[in-house]
Amino acid sequence: MKRVIYYMILLSVLLSGITTLSACNSATEEMENVPLVTSDENEDEVTIEIVDASMDEGASGTAEEEKSPDIIPESYACTLRVTINPQVLLYLDQDYKIIGICYENEDAIDAYAESDLFGQSLEDAVDLMIEEAYEKDYLKTDGTVSIELAEIEDDKAITDDTVLTIAKTSVKAALEEKECDCKIDLEIAAEVQSSYSIEITKVPCTNCSGTGILCPGDHETPGIDYEGCHGTGITVCLNPICNGGACTQCSGSGRSTCFGCHGTGVNDVDGMTCNHCNGSGTESCEYCHGTGKCERCNGTGQVTCYVIDQHTTCPVCDGSGYE
């Protein structure tokens, strides 16, 4: 009898525990949307806030979707990627007008999302981008503006690097207006280059004549009286007796008038044959030693630049020799 009573008590305890656990779960579910009550110990004001986690997640997702301002057209002629730090991919039509924009990083959204790039000509769009990047401090004085022909969709409209040339010219003008000494890099995507055989047209730098080197002799440099070499490292021979490499004292013949007979071949004293020239009236030129050539330049008329040790890298093209 005692055993039966024991088991009945044990069963009752188990049933009570299950009921309590079920009630707790139900209460937890109900509390998810129960108002959150907070109060300030120093004030009588009580704040009631309803917290709904599912609504917060939904709102966050919507805000993220609305943040993307990309405009991707179905058809286009080519794409141009412009990178300063903000990086944006421009979609262009056959007339090089902006018909689509893809902002490829957060900086691009910050810099250009509120700019009216869509529908602009490439020149105006690039000018506006430089303006915005400069005003928002993305464009640094010693920075680089990279322009890449990233994709070609209409190979009949895009057959050369004209689009890059237009972009570069516009960037250069905008940078000069801001007095911003930035480097401009032009690139063609490897796939575009191999598929269409488009090469970047290289324009020699006007500041260094395409050498990448500046010679102080080419400019009015104090203390430099030598003729410059225009970065080639070779300049005109300045030897006083050199005339394009020929000896001026013998006109390049290597022979000069005999000083003993003054060119007559006969001794003035006794009328005998001149002992100095053996009657020829000429002798080996003492200035060129009979070679007829300037010994300083070996007859070439050119020598190593006199101020080659003062050459500097052209700051305009950074030594590349091209704009």
C-alpha atoms as a PDB file:
ATOM      1  CA  MET A   1       0.000   0.000   0.000  1.00  0.00           C
ATOM      2  CA  LYS A   2       2.828   2.401   0.869  1.00  0.00           C
ATOM      3  CA  ARG A   3       4.476   1.635  -2.518  1.00  0.00           C
ATOM      4  CA  VAL A   4       1.255   2.597  -4.403  1.00  0.00           C
ATOM      5  CA  ILE A   5       0.979   5.869  -2.502  1.00  0.00           C
ATOM      6  CA  TYR A   6       4.658   6.625  -3.280  1.00  0.00           C
ATOM      7  CA  TYR A   7       4.165   6.173  -7.021  1.00  0.00           C
ATOM      8  CA  MET A   8       1.009   8.304  -7.033  1.00  0.00           C
ATOM      9  CA  ILE A   9       2.878  11.169  -5.367  1.00  0.00           C
ATOM     10  CA  LEU A  10       5.761  10.866  -7.863  1.00  0.00           C
ATOM     11  CA  LEU A  11       3.364  10.950 -10.847  1.00  0.00           C
ATOM     12  CA  SER A  12       1.676  14.062  -9.452  1.00  0.00           C
ATOM     13  CA  VAL A  13       5.002  15.871  -9.152  1.00  0.00           C
ATOM     14  CA  LEU A  14       5.950  15.028 -12.756  1.00  0.00           C
ATOM     15  CA  LEU A  15       2.627  16.249 -14.148  1.00  0.00           C
ATOM     16  CA  SER A  16       2.977  19.507 -12.212  1.00  0.00           C
ATOM     17  CA  GLY A  17       6.478  20.118 -13.661  1.00  0.00           C
ATOM     18  CA  ILE A  18       5.294  19.586 -17.240  1.00  0.00           C
ATOM     19  CA  THR A  19       2.417  22.039 -16.743  1.00  0.00           C
ATOM     20  CA  THR A  20       4.770  24.676 -15.333  1.00  0.00           C
ATOM     21  CA  LEU A  21       7.259  24.311 -18.251  1.00  0.00           C
ATOM     22  CA  SER A  22       4.469  24.693 -20.823  1.00  0.00           C
ATOM     23  CA  ALA A  23       3.250  27.837 -19.109  1.00  0.00           C
ATOM     24  CA  CYS A  24       6.746  29.329 -19.167  1.00  0.00           C
ATOM     25  CA  ASN A  25       7.151  28.742 -22.918  1.00  0.00           C
ATOM     26  CA  SER A  26       3.808  30.350 -23.588  1.00  0.00           C
ATOM     27  CA  ALA A  27       4.713  33.332 -21.450  1.00  0.00           C
ATOM     28  CA  THR A  28       8.040  33.741 -23.293  1.00  0.00           C
ATOM     29  CA  GLU A  29       6.307  33.880 -26.680  1.00  0.00           C
ATOM     30  CA  GLU A  30       3.858  36.476 -25.436  1.00  0.00           C
ATOM     31  CA  MET A  31       6.662  38.638 -23.990  1.00  0.00           C
ATOM     32  CA  GLU A  32       8.328  39.115 -27.425  1.00  0.00           C
ATOM     33  CA  ASN A  33       5.853  41.846 -28.325  1.00  0.00           C
ATOM     34  CA  VAL A  34       5.178  43.085 -24.782  1.00  0.00           C
ATOM     35  CA  PRO A  35       5.934  46.790 -24.305  1.00  0.00           C
ATOM     36  CA  LEU A  36       9.369  47.473 -22.841  1.00  0.00           C
ATOM     37  CA  VAL A  37       9.001  49.711 -19.796  1.00  0.00           C
ATOM     38  CA  THR A  38      11.934  51.812 -18.697  1.00  0.00           C
ATOM     39  CA  SER A  39      12.185  54.512 -16.086  1.00  0.00           C
ATOM     40  CA  ASP A  40      14.640  57.041 -14.815  1.00  0.00           C
ATOM     41  CA  GLU A  41      15.471  56.795 -11.133  1.00  0.00           C
ATOM     42  CA  ASN A  42      15.636  60.612 -10.821  1.00  0.00           C
ATOM     43  CA  GLU A  43      12.451  61.310 -12.754  1.00  0.00           C
ATOM     44  CA  ASP A  44       8.871  60.195 -12.603  1.00  0.00           C
ATOM     45  CA  GLU A  45       8.638  59.807 -16.386  1.00  0.00           C
ATOM     46  CA  VAL A  46       8.064  56.275 -17.622  1.00  0.00           C
ATOM     47  CA  THR A  47       8.868  55.329 -21.233  1.00  0.00           C
ATOM     48  CA  ILE A  48       7.018  52.529 -22.978  1.00  0.00           C
ATOM     49  CA  GLU A  49       8.622  51.120 -26.150  1.00  0.00           C
ATOM     50  CA  ILE A  50       7.309  48.221 -28.205  1.00  0.00           C
ATOM     51  CA  VAL A  51      10.182  46.140 -29.546  1.00  0.00           C
ATOM     52  CA  ASP A  52       9.551  43.966 -32.611  1.00  0.00           C
ATOM     53  CA  ALA A  53      12.732  42.334 -33.931  1.00  0.00           C
ATOM     54  CA  SER A  54      11.133  41.157 -37.172  1.00  0.00           C
ATOM     55  CA  MET A  55      10.069  44.688 -38.083  1.00  0.00           C
ATOM     56  CA  ASP A  56      13.599  46.042 -37.481  1.00  0.00           C
ATOM     57  CA  GLU A  57      15.136  43.472 -39.813  1.00  0.00           C
ATOM     58  CA  GLY A  58      12.639  44.275 -42.535  1.00  0.00           C
ATOM     59  CA  ALA A  59      13.257  48.007 -42.252  1.00  0.00           C
ATOM     60  CA  SER A  60      17.007  47.508 -42.433  1.00  0.00           C
ATOM     61  CA  GLY A  61      16.725  45.424 -45.577  1.00  0.00           C
ATOM     62  CA  THR A  62      14.517  48.005 -47.266  1.00  0.00           C
ATOM     63  CA  ALA A  63      16.900  50.841 -46.443  1.00  0.00           C
ATOM     64  CA  GLU A  64      19.818  48.884 -47.876  1.00  0.00           C
ATOM     65  CA  GLU A  65      17.932  48.250 -51.113  1.00  0.00           C
ATOM     66  CA  GLU A  66      16.997  51.923 -51.479  1.00  0.00           C
ATOM     67  CA  LYS A  67      20.617  52.983 -50.996  1.00  0.00           C
ATOM     68  CA  SER A  68      21.807  51.553 -54.324  1.00  0.00           C
ATOM     69  CA  PRO A  69      21.568  54.295 -57.020  1.00  0.00           C
ATOM     70  CA  ASP A  70      23.042  52.175 -59.856  1.00  0.00           C
ATOM     71  CA  ILE A  71      21.555  52.569 -63.333  1.00  0.00           C
ATOM     72  CA  ILE A  72      22.459  49.614 -65.575  1.00  0.00           C
ATOM     73  CA  PRO A  73      21.253  49.935 -69.204  1.00  0.00           C
ATOM     74  CA  GLU A  74      20.299  46.913 -71.295  1.00  0.00           C
ATOM     75  CA  SER A  75      22.459  48.007 -74.218  1.00  0.00           C
ATOM     76  CA  TYR A  76      25.476  50.299 -74.502  1.00  0.00           C
ATOM     77  CA  ALA A  77      28.545  50.881 -76.649  1.00  0.00           C
ATOM     78  CA  CYS A  78      31.263  50.634 -74.013  1.00  0.00           C
ATOM     79  CA  THR A  79      32.072  51.065 -70.348  1.00  0.00           C
ATOM     80  CA  LEU A  80      34.677  53.320 -68.819  1.00  0.00           C
ATOM     81  CA  ARG A  81      35.962  52.803 -65.275  1.00  0.00           C
ATOM     82  CA  VAL A  82      37.135  55.989 -63.555  1.00  0.00           C
ATOM     83  CA  THR A  83      39.057  55.556 -60.312  1.00  0.00           C
ATOM     84  CA  ILE A  84      40.275  58.268 -57.976  1.00  0.00           C
ATOM     85  CA  ASN A  85      39.385  56.575 -54.726  1.00  0.00           C
ATOM     86  CA  PRO A  86      35.729  56.694 -55.541  1.00  0.00           C
ATOM     87  CA  GLN A  87      35.419  54.128 -58.324  1.00  0.00           C
ATOM     88  CA  VAL A  88      32.586  54.318 -60.818  1.00  0.00           C
ATOM     89  CA  LEU A  89      31.770  52.426 -64.016  1.00  0.00           C
ATOM     90  CA  LEU A  90      30.248  54.637 -66.705  1.00  0.00           C
ATOM     91  CA  TYR A  91      28.065  53.141 -69.454  1.00  0.00           C
ATOM     92  CA  LEU A  92      28.347  55.099 -72.704  1.00  0.00           C
ATOM     93  CA  ASP A  93      26.409  55.102 -75.958  1.00  0.00           C
ATOM     94  CA  GLN A  94      27.884  55.567 -79.434  1.00  0.00           C
ATOM     95  CA  ASP A  95      28.036  59.337 -78.928  1.00  0.00           C
ATOM     96  CA  TYR A  96      29.951  58.955 -75.650  1.00  0.00           C
ATOM     97  CA  LYS A  97      27.038  60.072 -73.497  1.00  0.00           C
ATOM     98  CA  ILE A  98      26.411  58.600 -70.048  1.00  0.00           C
ATOM     99  CA  ILE A  99      23.457  56.210 -70.190  1.00  0.00           C
ATOM    100  CA  GLY A 100      24.267  54.151 -67.118  1.00  0.00           C
ATOM    101  CA  ILE A 101      26.244  54.307 -63.883  1.00  0.00           C
ATOM    102  CA  CYS A 102      27.507  51.665 -61.459  1.00  0.00           C
ATOM    103  CA  TYR A 103      28.947  52.891 -58.168  1.00  0.00           C
ATOM    104  CA  GLU A 104      31.615  50.340 -57.325  1.00  0.00           C
ATOM    105  CA  ASN A 105      32.384  51.398 -53.760  1.00  0.00           C
ATOM    106  CA  GLU A 106      30.888  53.411 -50.911  1.00  0.00           C
ATOM    107  CA  ASP A 107      33.104  56.396 -51.693  1.00  0.00           C
ATOM    108  CA  ALA A 108      31.629  56.550 -55.185  1.00  0.00           C
ATOM    109  CA  ILE A 109      28.109  56.720 -53.757  1.00  0.00           C
ATOM    110  CA  ASP A 110      29.167  59.437 -51.348  1.00  0.00           C
ATOM    111  CA  ALA A 111      30.967  61.451 -54.027  1.00  0.00           C
ATOM    112  CA  TYR A 112      28.725  61.108 -57.069  1.00  0.00           C
ATOM    113  CA  ALA A 113      25.272  59.760 -56.144  1.00  0.00           C
ATOM    114  CA  GLU A 114      23.776  63.244 -55.889  1.00  0.00           C
ATOM    115  CA  SER A 115      25.561  64.483 -59.026  1.00  0.00           C
ATOM    116  CA  ASP A 116      23.638  64.718 -62.261  1.00  0.00           C
ATOM    117  CA  LEU A 117      25.903  62.447 -64.333  1.00  0.00           C
ATOM    118  CA  PHE A 118      23.190  60.595 -66.224  1.00  0.00           C
ATOM    119  CA  GLY A 119      22.678  61.960 -69.738  1.00  0.00           C
ATOM    120  CA  GLN A 120      25.820  64.095 -69.632  1.00  0.00           C
ATOM    121  CA  SER A 121      28.491  64.048 -72.321  1.00  0.00           C
ATOM    122  CA  LEU A 122      31.672  62.251 -71.314  1.00  0.00           C
ATOM    123  CA  GLU A 123      33.541  65.585 -71.131  1.00  0.00           C
ATOM    124  CA  ASP A 124      30.964  67.180 -68.829  1.00  0.00           C
ATOM    125  CA  ALA A 125      30.590  64.058 -66.681  1.00  0.00           C
ATOM    126  CA  VAL A 126      34.336  63.760 -66.095  1.00  0.00           C
ATOM    127  CA  ASP A 127      34.591  67.469 -65.298  1.00  0.00           C
ATOM    128  CA  LEU A 128      31.760  67.117 -62.767  1.00  0.00           C
ATOM    129  CA  MET A 129      33.358  64.045 -61.181  1.00  0.00           C
ATOM    130  CA  ILE A 130      36.691  65.824 -60.716  1.00  0.00           C
ATOM    131  CA  GLU A 131      34.830  68.765 -59.180  1.00  0.00           C
ATOM    132  CA  GLU A 132      32.952  66.541 -56.708  1.00  0.00           C
ATOM    133  CA  ALA A 133      36.015  64.460 -55.810  1.00  0.00           C
ATOM    134  CA  TYR A 134      38.005  67.634 -55.185  1.00  0.00           C
ATOM    135  CA  GLU A 135      35.325  69.296 -53.074  1.00  0.00           C
ATOM    136  CA  LYS A 136      34.866  66.154 -50.928  1.00  0.00           C
ATOM    137  CA  ASP A 137      38.622  65.765 -50.442  1.00  0.00           C
ATOM    138  CA  TYR A 138      38.966  62.483 -52.350  1.00  0.00           C
ATOM    139  CA  LEU A 139      41.289  64.036 -54.907  1.00  0.00           C
ATOM    140  CA  LYS A 140      44.792  64.470 -53.525  1.00  0.00           C
ATOM    141  CA  THR A 141      47.500  66.683 -55.015  1.00  0.00           C
ATOM    142  CA  ASP A 142      49.887  63.767 -55.467  1.00  0.00           C
ATOM    143  CA  GLY A 143      47.170  61.268 -56.318  1.00  0.00           C
ATOM    144  CA  THR A 144      46.299  59.370 -59.483  1.00  0.00           C
ATOM    145  CA  VAL A 145      43.245  59.420 -61.708  1.00  0.00           C
ATOM    146  CA  SER A 146      42.917  56.089 -63.488  1.00  0.00           C
ATOM    147  CA  ILE A 147      40.754  55.699 -66.606  1.00  0.00           C
ATOM    148  CA  GLU A 148      40.168  52.216 -67.993  1.00  0.00           C
ATOM    149  CA  LEU A 149      38.333  51.142 -71.125  1.00  0.00           C
ATOM    150  CA  ALA A 150      36.731  48.183 -69.385  1.00  0.00           C
ATOM    151  CA  GLU A 151      34.319  46.731 -71.932  1.00  0.00           C
ATOM    152  CA  ILE A 152      33.186  47.103 -75.530  1.00  0.00           C
ATOM    153  CA  GLU A 153      29.727  45.985 -76.610  1.00  0.00           C
ATOM    154  CA  ASP A 154      29.467  47.802 -79.944  1.00  0.00           C
ATOM    155  CA  ASP A 155      32.675  47.140 -81.874  1.00  0.00           C
ATOM    156  CA  LYS A 156      31.399  49.219 -84.791  1.00  0.00           C
ATOM    157  CA  ALA A 157      31.141  52.321 -82.639  1.00  0.00           C
ATOM    158  CA  ILE A 158      34.310  51.802 -80.600  1.00  0.00           C
ATOM    159  CA  THR A 159      37.271  51.014 -82.842  1.00  0.00           C
ATOM    160  CA  ASP A 160      40.125  52.926 -81.191  1.00  0.00           C
ATOM    161  CA  ASP A 161      41.138  54.726 -78.019  1.00  0.00           C
ATOM    162  CA  THR A 162      39.225  57.946 -78.803  1.00  0.00           C
ATOM    163  CA  VAL A 163      37.051  57.535 -75.721  1.00  0.00           C
ATOM    164  CA  LEU A 164      40.173  57.388 -73.541  1.00  0.00           C
ATOM    165  CA  THR A 165      41.654  60.434 -75.245  1.00  0.00           C
ATOM    166  CA  ILE A 166      38.471  62.434 -74.644  1.00  0.00           C
ATOM    167  CA  ALA A 167      38.383  61.368 -71.001  1.00  0.00           C
ATOM    168  CA  LYS A 168      42.054  62.165 -70.448  1.00  0.00           C
ATOM    169  CA  THR A 169      41.797  65.603 -72.072  1.00  0.00           C
ATOM    170  CA  SER A 170      38.800  66.428 -69.885  1.00  0.00           C
ATOM    171  CA  VAL A 171      40.499  65.192 -66.709  1.00  0.00           C
ATOM    172  CA  LYS A 172      43.675  67.137 -67.509  1.00  0.00           C
ATOM    173  CA  ALA A 173      41.740  70.368 -68.072  1.00  0.00           C
ATOM    174  CA  ALA A 174      39.761  69.904 -64.851  1.00  0.00           C
ATOM    175  CA  LEU A 175      42.915  69.197 -62.828  1.00  0.00           C
ATOM    176  CA  GLU A 176      44.669  72.250 -64.240  1.00  0.00           C
ATOM    177  CA  GLU A 177      41.694  74.400 -63.288  1.00  0.00           C
ATOM    178  CA  LYS A 178      41.992  73.110 -59.710  1.00  0.00           C
ATOM    179  CA  GLU A 179      45.783  73.487 -59.850  1.00  0.00           C
ATOM    180  CA  CYS A 180      45.946  69.851 -58.808  1.00  0.00           C
ATOM    181  CA  ASP A 181      49.106  68.050 -59.894  1.00  0.00           C
ATOM    182  CA  CYS A 182      47.739  64.518 -60.227  1.00  0.00           C
ATOM    183  CA  LYS A 183      48.985  61.702 -62.413  1.00  0.00           C
ATOM    184  CA  ILE A 184      46.642  60.385 -65.121  1.00  0.00           C
ATOM    185  CA  ASP A 185      46.815  56.685 -65.988  1.00  0.00           C
ATOM    186  CA  LEU A 186      45.149  55.284 -69.101  1.00  0.00           C
ATOM    187  CA  GLU A 187      44.410  51.574 -69.269  1.00  0.00           C
ATOM    188  CA  ILE A 188      42.669  49.101 -71.551  1.00  0.00           C
ATOM    189  CA  ALA A 189      41.290  45.919 -70.038  1.00  0.00           C
ATOM    190  CA  ALA A 190      43.242  42.845 -71.156  1.00  0.00           C
ATOM    191  CA  GLU A 191      40.152  41.226 -72.679  1.00  0.00           C
ATOM    192  CA  VAL A 192      39.366  44.355 -74.707  1.00  0.00           C
ATOM    193  CA  GLN A 193      42.963  44.679 -75.866  1.00  0.00           C
ATOM    194  CA  SER A 194      43.183  41.068 -77.041  1.00  0.00           C
ATOM    195  CA  SER A 195      39.736  41.008 -78.659  1.00  0.00           C
ATOM    196  CA  TYR A 196      39.861  44.345 -80.496  1.00  0.00           C
ATOM    197  CA  SER A 197      43.608  45.049 -80.776  1.00  0.00           C
ATOM    198  CA  ILE A 198      43.118  48.572 -79.457  1.00  0.00           C
ATOM    199  CA  GLU A 199      46.285  50.288 -78.307  1.00  0.00           C
ATOM    200  CA  ILE A 200      46.647  53.523 -76.364  1.00  0.00           C
ATOM    201  CA  THR A 201      47.985  56.319 -78.536  1.00  0.00           C
ATOM    202  CA  LYS A 202      51.022  57.751 -76.790  1.00  0.00           C
ATOM    203  CA  VAL A 203      51.523  61.487 -77.108  1.00  0.00           C
ATOM    204  CA  PRO A 204      55.074  62.721 -76.370  1.00  0.00           C
ATOM    205  CA  CYS A 205      55.339  64.984 -73.355  1.00  0.00           C
ATOM    206  CA  THR A 206      55.833  68.571 -74.513  1.00  0.00           C
ATOM    207  CA  ASN A 207      57.637  69.547 -71.330  1.00  0.00           C
ATOM    208  CA  CYS A 208      60.563  67.158 -71.923  1.00  0.00           C
ATOM    209  CA  SER A 209      60.193  66.548 -75.676  1.00  0.00           C
ATOM    210  CA  GLY A 210      59.317  62.929 -74.977  1.00  0.00           C
ATOM    211  CA  THR A 211      62.593  62.064 -73.223  1.00  0.00           C
ATOM    212  CA  GLY A 212      61.293  61.981 -69.656  1.00  0.00           C
ATOM    213  CA  ILE A 213      64.353  64.029 -68.638  1.00  0.00           C
ATOM    214  CA  LEU A 214      64.818  67.731 -68.000  1.00  0.00           C
ATOM    215  CA  CYS A 215      68.206  69.284 -68.775  1.00  0.00           C
ATOM    216  CA  PRO A 216      69.000  72.609 -67.043  1.00  0.00           C
ATOM    217  CA  GLY A 217      70.729  73.755 -70.217  1.00  0.00           C
ATOM    218  CA  ASP A 218      67.368  73.779 -72.017  1.00  0.00           C
ATOM    219  CA  HIS A 219      66.066  76.517 -69.755  1.00  0.00           C
ATOM    220  CA  GLU A 220      67.317  79.814 -68.437  1.00  0.00           C
ATOM    221  CA  THR A 221      69.053  78.278 -65.455  1.00  0.00           C
ATOM    222  CA  PRO A 222      71.375  80.608 -63.517  1.00  0.00           C
ATOM    223  CA  GLY A 223      75.009  79.568 -63.885  1.00  0.00           C
ATOM    224  CA  ILE A 224      74.349  77.253 -66.843  1.00  0.00           C
ATOM    225  CA  ASP A 225      75.790  78.609 -70.103  1.00  0.00           C
ATOM    226  CA  TYR A 226      75.896  75.324 -71.981  1.00  0.00           C
ATOM    227  CA  GLU A 227      73.471  74.380 -74.696  1.00  0.00           C
ATOM    228  CA  GLY A 228      70.947  71.875 -73.426  1.00  0.00           C
ATOM    229  CA  CYS A 229      70.531  68.322 -74.667  1.00  0.00           C
ATOM    230  CA  HIS A 230      66.712  68.163 -74.382  1.00  0.00           C
ATOM    231  CA  GLY A 231      67.063  65.117 -72.189  1.00  0.00           C
ATOM    232  CA  THR A 232      68.943  63.037 -74.743  1.00  0.00           C
ATOM    233  CA  GLY A 233      72.253  63.200 -72.877  1.00  0.00           C
ATOM    234  CA  ILE A 234      74.009  64.420 -76.066  1.00  0.00           C
ATOM    235  CA  THR A 235      74.730  68.041 -76.909  1.00  0.00           C
ATOM    236  CA  VAL A 236      76.644  70.124 -79.472  1.00  0.00           C
ATOM    237  CA  CYS A 237      80.431  70.151 -79.150  1.00  0.00           C
ATOM    238  CA  LEU A 238      81.539  73.569 -77.967  1.00  0.00           C
ATOM    239  CA  ASN A 239      85.232  73.198 -78.840  1.00  0.00           C
ATOM    240  CA  PRO A 240      86.241  76.526 -80.476  1.00  0.00           C
ATOM    241  CA  ILE A 241      88.013  74.774 -83.365  1.00  0.00           C
ATOM    242  CA  CYS A 242      85.091  72.385 -84.012  1.00  0.00           C
ATOM    243  CA  ASN A 243      82.699  72.987 -86.876  1.00  0.00           C
ATOM    244  CA  GLY A 244      80.274  70.097 -86.896  1.00  0.00           C
ATOM    245  CA  GLY A 245      83.128  67.793 -86.024  1.00  0.00           C
ATOM    246  CA  ALA A 246      85.639  69.131 -88.568  1.00  0.00           C
ATOM    247  CA  CYS A 247      88.764  70.988 -87.538  1.00  0.00           C
ATOM    248  CA  THR A 248      88.366  74.671 -88.395  1.00  0.00           C
ATOM    249  CA  GLN A 249      92.144  75.276 -88.552  1.00  0.00           C
ATOM    250  CA  CYS A 250      92.654  73.005 -91.516  1.00  0.00           C
ATOM    251  CA  SER A 251      89.065  72.942 -92.814  1.00  0.00           C
ATOM    252  CA  GLY A 252      89.012  69.232 -92.119  1.00  0.00           C
ATOM    253  CA  SER A 253      91.916  68.419 -94.452  1.00  0.00           C
ATOM    254  CA  GLY A 254      94.359  67.582 -91.712  1.00  0.00           C
ATOM    255  CA  ARG A 255      96.995  69.788 -93.414  1.00  0.00           C
ATOM    256  CA  SER A 256      97.911  73.372 -92.699  1.00  0.00           C
ATOM    257  CA  THR A 257     100.217  75.928 -94.376  1.00  0.00           C
ATOM    258  CA  CYS A 258     103.864  75.280 -93.584  1.00  0.00           C
ATOM    259  CA  PHE A 259     105.099  77.904 -91.180  1.00  0.00           C
ATOM    260  CA  GLY A 260     108.684  77.579 -92.524  1.00  0.00           C
ATOM    261  CA  CYS A 261     108.035  78.509 -96.153  1.00  0.00           C
ATOM    262  CA  HIS A 262     104.557  79.972 -95.753  1.00  0.00           C
ATOM    263  CA  GLY A 263     103.228  77.506 -98.288  1.00  0.00           C
ATOM    264  CA  THR A 264     105.770  78.119-101.044  1.00  0.00           C
ATOM    265  CA  GLY A 265     107.743  74.947-100.486  1.00  0.00           C
ATOM    266  CA  VAL A 266     110.976  76.991-100.843  1.00  0.00           C
ATOM    267  CA  ASN A 267     113.188  78.339 -98.101  1.00  0.00           C
ATOM    268  CA  ASP A 268     113.101  82.129 -98.147  1.00  0.00           C
ATOM    269  CA  VAL A 269     116.773  82.417 -97.163  1.00  0.00           C
ATOM    270  CA  ASP A 270     118.559  80.237 -99.674  1.00  0.00           C
ATOM    271  CA  GLY A 271     115.841  79.338-102.115  1.00  0.00           C
ATOM    272  CA  MET A 272     116.309  75.660-101.406  1.00  0.00           C
ATOM    273  CA  THR A 273     113.505  73.193-100.798  1.00  0.00           C
ATOM    274  CA  CYS A 274     111.856  73.801 -97.458  1.00  0.00           C
ATOM    275  CA  ASN A 275     113.101  71.369 -94.855  1.00  0.00           C
ATOM    276  CA  HIS A 276     109.842  71.504 -92.853  1.00  0.00           C
ATOM    277  CA  CYS A 277     107.461  70.390 -95.584  1.00  0.00           C
ATOM    278  CA  ASN A 278     109.879  68.885 -98.083  1.00  0.00           C
ATOM    279  CA  GLY A 279     108.636  71.297-100.664  1.00  0.00           C
ATOM    280  CA  SER A 280     104.932  70.493-100.319  1.00  0.00           C
ATOM    281  CA  GLY A 281     104.092  73.821 -98.717  1.00  0.00           C
ATOM    282  CA  THR A 282     101.866  72.109 -96.114  1.00  0.00           C
ATOM    283  CA  GLU A 283     102.356  70.224 -92.929  1.00  0.00           C
ATOM    284  CA  SER A 284     100.257  68.174 -90.500  1.00  0.00           C
ATOM    285  CA  CYS A 285      97.723  70.340 -88.651  1.00  0.00           C
ATOM    286  CA  GLU A 286      98.919  70.855 -85.129  1.00  0.00           C
ATOM    287  CA  TYR A 287      95.351  71.293 -83.812  1.00  0.00           C
ATOM    288  CA  CYS A 288      93.929  67.993 -85.035  1.00  0.00           C
ATOM    289  CA  HIS A 289      97.255  66.214 -85.515  1.00  0.00           C
ATOM    290  CA  GLY A 290      96.496  65.548 -89.133  1.00  0.00           C
ATOM    291  CA  THR A 291      93.113  63.842 -88.648  1.00  0.00           C
ATOM    292  CA  GLY A 292      90.993  66.745 -89.848  1.00  0.00           C
ATOM    293  CA  LYS A 293      88.614  65.982 -86.947  1.00  0.00           C
ATOM    294  CA  CYS A 294      87.853  67.699 -83.704  1.00  0.00           C
ATOM    295  CA  GLU A 295      89.571  65.612 -81.080  1.00  0.00           C
ATOM    296  CA  ARG A 296      87.019  66.465 -78.389  1.00  0.00           C
ATOM    297  CA  CYS A 297      84.050  64.983 -80.245  1.00  0.00           C
ATOM    298  CA  ASN A 298      86.058  62.713 -82.557  1.00  0.00           C
ATOM    299  CA  GLY A 299      84.521  64.352 -85.580  1.00  0.00           C
ATOM    300  CA  THR A 300      80.876  63.776 -84.609  1.00  0.00           C
ATOM    301  CA  GLY A 301      80.122  67.352 -83.604  1.00  0.00           C
ATOM    302  CA  GLN A 302      78.418  66.034 -80.460  1.00  0.00           C
ATOM    303  CA  VAL A 303      79.538  65.284 -76.933  1.00  0.00           C
ATOM    304  CA  THR A 304      78.002  64.016 -73.703  1.00  0.00           C
ATOM    305  CA  CYS A 305      75.855  66.733 -72.168  1.00  0.00           C
ATOM    306  CA  TYR A 306      78.019  69.049 -70.094  1.00  0.00           C
ATOM    307  CA  VAL A 307      75.442  69.124 -67.272  1.00  0.00           C
ATOM    308  CA  ILE A 308      74.276  65.518 -67.420  1.00  0.00           C
ATOM    309  CA  ASP A 309      74.909  65.203 -63.693  1.00  0.00           C
ATOM    310  CA  GLN A 310      72.213  67.843 -63.149  1.00  0.00           C
ATOM    311  CA  HIS A 311      69.504  66.119 -65.161  1.00  0.00           C
ATOM    312  CA  THR A 312      66.178  65.589 -63.407  1.00  0.00           C
ATOM    313  CA  THR A 313      63.086  63.472 -64.081  1.00  0.00           C
ATOM    314  CA  CYS A 314      60.332  65.367 -65.855  1.00  0.00           C
ATOM    315  CA  PRO A 315      57.585  66.058 -63.280  1.00  0.00           C
ATOM    316  CA  VAL A 316      54.869  66.367 -65.915  1.00  0.00           C
ATOM    317  CA  CYS A 317      55.153  62.842 -67.316  1.00  0.00           C
ATOM    318  CA  ASP A 318      56.951  61.349 -64.323  1.00  0.00           C
ATOM    319  CA  GLY A 319      59.781  60.222 -66.575  1.00  0.00           C
ATOM    320  CA  SER A 320      57.596  58.259 -68.993  1.00  0.00           C
ATOM    321  CA  GLY A 321      58.146  60.698 -71.872  1.00  0.00           C
ATOM    322  CA  TYR A 322      54.409  60.658 -72.652  1.00  0.00           C
ATOM    323  CA  GLU A 323      51.515  62.824 -71.601  1.00  0.00           C
END
